[in-house]
Amino acid sequence: MTDGQQPSAWDGALAGLGARDAVAILCRGLADAVQAAPRPPSRACVRLGNASIEVEWPALAEPAPGAYAPPEAADPATEAAGHTVRAELVGTFYRRPEPGAKPFVEVGDLVEPGQQVAIVEAMKLMNPVTADVGGRVSHVLVDDAQSVEYDQPLIVIDQEADE
């Protein structure tokens, strides 16, 4: 313990768990923080003494050549008309609940608000993608099992065709 650091209640609680369990809890906390973030961190640190989790994200800057950059705004005349369902996190996009199963939705299907339309897998967790509006699926913009970025357009729903 360095000067200025005081033992805390957390230290006692973590010591009571044992080093292996305490580190597992800290690592789970770190994984949760990283998963909830819109982009990967530049640095992550887990400490056991005084129970610390530190995550650092780089300042937003111009993307490096070859790095993913969000698509430029398309010309409104060429952009697909309708409401766009976007990725809420970075991961792998799946159109089906499991391999070989029927896709959640196909182009032309009617969907209701709150209906599951896909999955984004992140860190071995399957996160449902739901329609936030009702209408007819007019475009599926991402192939099955393709990597997606935060806020990437996934599916377009034509709200005027919800009859």
Protein backbone atom coordinates (compact mmCIF):
# COMPACT_ATOMS: atom_id res chain seq x y z
CA MET A 1 0.00 0.00 0.00
CA THR A 2 1.46 3.38 -0.96
CA ASP A 3 1.35 6.59 1.04
CA GLY A 4 -2.08 8.15 1.01
CA GLN A 5 -3.88 4.86 0.39
CA GLN A 6 -6.10 3.65 3.19
CA PRO A 7 -7.44 0.13 3.53
CA SER A 8 -11.09 0.07 2.57
CA ALA A 9 -14.09 -2.12 3.29
CA TRP A 10 -13.62 -3.51 -0.22
CA ASP A 11 -10.15 -4.78 0.68
CA GLY A 12 -11.59 -6.75 3.58
CA ALA A 13 -14.45 -8.09 1.49
CA LEU A 14 -12.13 -9.10 -1.34
CA ALA A 15 -9.64 -10.70 1.08
CA GLY A 16 -12.49 -12.74 2.54
CA LEU A 17 -13.29 -14.12 -0.91
CA GLY A 18 -9.79 -15.32 -1.67
CA ALA A 19 -7.55 -14.03 -4.43
CA ARG A 20 -8.97 -16.20 -7.22
CA ASP A 21 -12.62 -15.25 -6.58
CA ALA A 22 -11.76 -11.58 -6.04
CA VAL A 23 -9.85 -11.37 -9.32
CA ALA A 24 -12.72 -13.15 -11.10
CA ILE A 25 -15.18 -10.53 -9.77
CA LEU A 26 -12.91 -7.68 -10.85
CA CYS A 27 -12.41 -9.20 -14.30
CA ARG A 28 -16.18 -9.64 -14.70
CA GLY A 29 -16.60 -5.96 -13.83
CA LEU A 30 -13.99 -5.04 -16.42
CA ALA A 31 -15.67 -7.21 -19.06
CA ASP A 32 -19.04 -5.57 -18.32
CA ALA A 33 -17.52 -2.08 -18.66
CA VAL A 34 -15.83 -2.94 -21.96
CA GLN A 35 -18.96 -4.62 -23.34
CA ALA A 36 -21.13 -1.61 -22.54
CA ALA A 37 -18.76 0.77 -24.31
CA PRO A 38 -19.34 1.80 -27.92
CA ARG A 39 -15.70 1.09 -28.86
CA PRO A 40 -12.80 -0.95 -27.50
CA PRO A 41 -10.54 0.58 -24.85
CA SER A 42 -6.91 1.50 -25.45
CA ARG A 43 -5.92 0.28 -21.98
CA ALA A 44 -7.45 -1.83 -19.23
CA CYS A 45 -6.13 -2.58 -15.75
CA VAL A 46 -7.38 -4.73 -12.86
CA ARG A 47 -5.82 -4.37 -9.39
CA LEU A 48 -6.55 -6.44 -6.32
CA GLY A 49 -5.20 -4.19 -3.55
CA ASN A 50 -7.80 -1.44 -3.00
CA ALA A 51 -9.97 -3.18 -5.65
CA SER A 52 -9.53 -1.09 -8.77
CA ILE A 53 -10.75 -1.43 -12.35
CA GLU A 54 -9.35 1.13 -14.78
CA VAL A 55 -10.44 1.40 -18.40
CA GLU A 56 -9.10 4.06 -20.74
CA TRP A 57 -10.46 4.94 -24.15
CA PRO A 58 -8.45 6.87 -26.72
CA ALA A 59 -9.57 10.37 -27.63
CA LEU A 60 -11.76 10.47 -30.70
CA ALA A 61 -9.62 11.24 -33.70
CA GLU A 62 -9.55 10.64 -37.41
CA PRO A 63 -9.44 6.88 -38.10
CA ALA A 64 -6.13 5.42 -39.20
CA PRO A 65 -5.87 4.30 -42.82
CA GLY A 66 -7.57 0.92 -43.19
CA ALA A 67 -9.44 1.27 -39.88
CA TYR A 68 -13.22 1.11 -39.75
CA ALA A 69 -14.85 4.48 -40.26
CA PRO A 70 -18.61 4.95 -40.06
CA PRO A 71 -20.09 5.29 -43.52
CA GLU A 72 -20.49 8.80 -44.83
CA ALA A 73 -24.05 10.07 -44.99
CA ALA A 74 -25.50 8.78 -48.23
CA ASP A 75 -27.23 10.94 -50.76
CA PRO A 76 -30.89 11.00 -49.65
CA ALA A 77 -31.96 9.96 -53.16
CA THR A 78 -29.91 6.74 -52.98
CA GLU A 79 -30.41 5.96 -49.28
CA ALA A 80 -32.92 3.21 -48.48
CA ALA A 81 -36.21 4.76 -47.43
CA GLY A 82 -37.54 3.79 -44.03
CA HIS A 83 -36.45 3.45 -40.43
CA THR A 84 -32.98 1.99 -39.85
CA VAL A 85 -32.36 -0.50 -37.04
CA ARG A 86 -28.74 0.01 -35.91
CA ALA A 87 -26.22 -2.05 -33.97
CA GLU A 88 -26.15 -1.10 -30.29
CA LEU A 89 -22.72 -2.67 -29.79
CA VAL A 90 -19.72 -4.09 -31.59
CA GLY A 91 -19.94 -7.80 -32.36
CA THR A 92 -21.02 -10.45 -34.84
CA PHE A 93 -24.41 -10.11 -36.53
CA TYR A 94 -26.60 -13.21 -36.82
CA ARG A 95 -29.90 -13.37 -38.69
CA ARG A 96 -30.84 -16.75 -37.16
CA PRO A 97 -31.30 -17.94 -33.56
CA GLU A 98 -28.98 -20.89 -34.30
CA PRO A 99 -27.20 -22.41 -37.31
CA GLY A 100 -29.63 -24.01 -39.74
CA ALA A 101 -32.67 -22.28 -38.24
CA LYS A 102 -35.00 -19.99 -40.15
CA PRO A 103 -33.95 -16.28 -40.03
CA PHE A 104 -35.73 -14.03 -37.53
CA VAL A 105 -36.95 -11.89 -40.44
CA GLU A 106 -36.75 -11.80 -44.23
CA VAL A 107 -37.21 -8.92 -46.64
CA GLY A 108 -40.96 -8.43 -46.98
CA ASP A 109 -41.86 -9.64 -43.47
CA LEU A 110 -44.06 -7.47 -41.25
CA VAL A 111 -42.54 -6.67 -37.85
CA GLU A 112 -43.96 -5.12 -34.71
CA PRO A 113 -42.20 -2.79 -32.25
CA GLY A 114 -40.17 -4.88 -29.80
CA GLN A 115 -39.99 -7.92 -32.11
CA GLN A 116 -36.57 -9.60 -32.26
CA VAL A 117 -35.10 -9.28 -35.75
CA ALA A 118 -31.51 -10.49 -35.21
CA ILE A 119 -28.71 -11.14 -32.70
CA VAL A 120 -25.38 -9.42 -32.13
CA GLU A 121 -22.88 -11.64 -30.33
CA ALA A 122 -20.36 -9.80 -28.18
CA MET A 123 -17.94 -11.52 -25.80
CA LYS A 124 -19.85 -14.83 -26.04
CA LEU A 125 -23.13 -13.10 -25.08
CA MET A 126 -26.06 -13.20 -27.50
CA ASN A 127 -27.69 -9.75 -27.49
CA PRO A 128 -31.11 -9.50 -29.15
CA VAL A 129 -31.66 -6.87 -31.83
CA THR A 130 -35.25 -5.65 -31.75
CA ALA A 131 -37.33 -3.50 -34.06
CA ASP A 132 -38.16 -0.20 -32.43
CA VAL A 133 -40.91 0.52 -34.97
CA GLY A 134 -43.49 -1.54 -36.80
CA GLY A 135 -43.56 -1.99 -40.56
CA ARG A 136 -42.27 -4.16 -43.39
CA VAL A 137 -38.61 -5.21 -43.64
CA SER A 138 -37.36 -3.59 -46.86
CA HIS A 139 -33.61 -4.28 -46.60
CA VAL A 140 -31.24 -6.46 -44.59
CA LEU A 141 -27.96 -4.55 -44.88
CA VAL A 142 -25.58 -7.02 -43.20
CA ASP A 143 -24.75 -10.60 -44.13
CA ASP A 144 -25.14 -13.38 -41.58
CA ALA A 145 -22.09 -13.87 -39.31
CA GLN A 146 -20.56 -10.54 -40.39
CA SER A 147 -18.77 -8.26 -37.91
CA VAL A 148 -20.60 -5.06 -37.13
CA GLU A 149 -19.60 -1.81 -35.46
CA TYR A 150 -21.48 0.34 -32.98
CA ASP A 151 -24.30 2.29 -34.66
CA GLN A 152 -23.88 0.44 -37.97
CA PRO A 153 -27.13 0.18 -39.98
CA LEU A 154 -28.45 -3.41 -39.91
CA ILE A 155 -32.04 -3.54 -41.17
CA VAL A 156 -34.38 -1.03 -42.83
CA ILE A 157 -38.09 -1.07 -41.96
CA ASP A 158 -40.67 0.68 -44.16
CA GLN A 159 -43.13 2.08 -41.63
CA GLU A 160 -45.70 3.01 -44.27
CA ALA A 161 -46.13 -0.64 -45.28
CA ASP A 162 -47.39 -1.93 -41.92
CA GLU A 163 -50.85 -2.93 -43.22
